[in-house]
Amino acid sequence: MAQPGASSFDADPESFISSLNPSSYYVNGIGRHNACGPGFPGLKKRTHNLGNRSWILIDTKGNLEVVELDKSTVMRRCSLPSRDLRLLDPLFIYPSSILGREKAIVVSLEQIRCIITADEVILKNSVEESVQQYKYELCKRLEVSKDNYDDLPFEFRALEVALEHTCMSLDAQVKDLELDIYPVLDELASSISTLNLERVRRFKGSLSALTQRVQKVCDEIEHLMNDDGDMAEMYLTEKKERRDILTDSDICNPINISEDVNFGSKSAPVSPVGSSSGVHRLQRAFSTMSTTKHGSFLSSSSAAENIDQLEMLLEAYFVGIDNTLNKLLSLKEYIDDTEDLINIKLGNVQNQLIKFELLLTAATFVTTMFAVVTAVFGMNFKDTVFDEPSTFNWVLIISGVFCVVLYGLFLIYFRHKKVIP
């Protein structure tokens, strides 16, 4: 118990220190609840969102690692512009595309969205089945190919797994659609009903959407095959080796130049300012020459690049995705043929109804004429016909025969005009 006259520090040191340093009062969590004020109980403290997302890193040996990287780190790591990373955003739906860059390949094929470099694959961490299948399949192939000779570089093996998974996934969806739509079309052809028409309409919408997706993948692969420059840009391993060789050679050359500059300064004494500016000018000139040498070497190497390896890889999957596209086009033609058959049947039924209506109208006309005769003789007037009952019977017989003959004439006219068979 505190003694009378003792200071507040002796009674409660922690509260005394908190009163001297208000910021620690909130840091320690004591007054965090009331920091926002009593009028805003649900207000949360603003935090700086750096945009960190979960990524899966797969190296050349098949080792897998899950890391948290923000957008700027990924851009610096792969030397990519910001617009390329939009293709990897799962919140946006972009058509399938494969982009070759200086140090990476940006792949956006259906649910497979990743960045392939010469050393690793940066894959969006997701619980989707397609992403998990791609991850396990790539790791398995990389682990199996450790001891086996494989002439494909790492970036092409990773690209091959993405293409294979996309083509197989789209082909499986087409087969499922075929299994669902063919029985419905056969049933619709035999029995036209509103329920079957509605089912075919839904399947036709799914077919149109799937055809657009397959067509985009097919066009993207064909575009790469037709552009040698884009294919040469995807040889990341060879470009990395060339950069390493040029970097090693450039490290040695500036030393020789600096020695020549120092040797020249001994034989011809100049002012320190002048010598320093001369060295800077030589270094800038060497930097320009080095950059020119880099560009000319890389461009000449890229021009002479043997792209047959990548072209054969793309061609194999182009044949597969083109076959899938042909299945969809055949299915669309089958739907169109079924619609034509339905239209023919409906037109035939409509023609039968028109013929029946025409015959019924002619019969109604003839019957009306007979009814007019009976109505006339049913009026209240005096005539010699009513004196003999048999005479009125002859009137009815003659009127009936006339109506039958008239109806026969209608039928002969309709057949002559080929209105009825």
Foldseek 3Di string as FASTA:
>chain_A
DDDPPDDVCVVPVVVVVCVVPVVVCVVVPPCVQCPVHPVCRPDDDDDDDQQWAWKWKAWLQLDIDIDTDHDVVVCVVQVDDPVLCVLQDPVDDDAFAWFFDQFWIFGRQPNWTWIGGQTIIIGHDDPDPLSVVLSVVLSVVSNVCPPPDDPDGSRVSSVLSVLVSRLVVLLVVLVVLCVPVPVLLVVCLVPPDPVSVVVNVVSVVVLVVSLVNLVRVLVNLVVCLVDLLRLLSRPRNVSVVVVVVLVVVVVPVVVVVVVVLVVVCVVPPDDPVVSVVVNVVVVVVVVVVSVVVVVVVVVVCSVVDDSPVVSVSSVVSSVSSVVSSVSSVVVVVSVVVSVVSVVVVVVVVVLVVVVVVVLVVLLVVLVVQLVVQVVVVVDPDDDPCVVDVVSVVVVSVVSVVVSVVSSVVVVVVCVVVPSDD
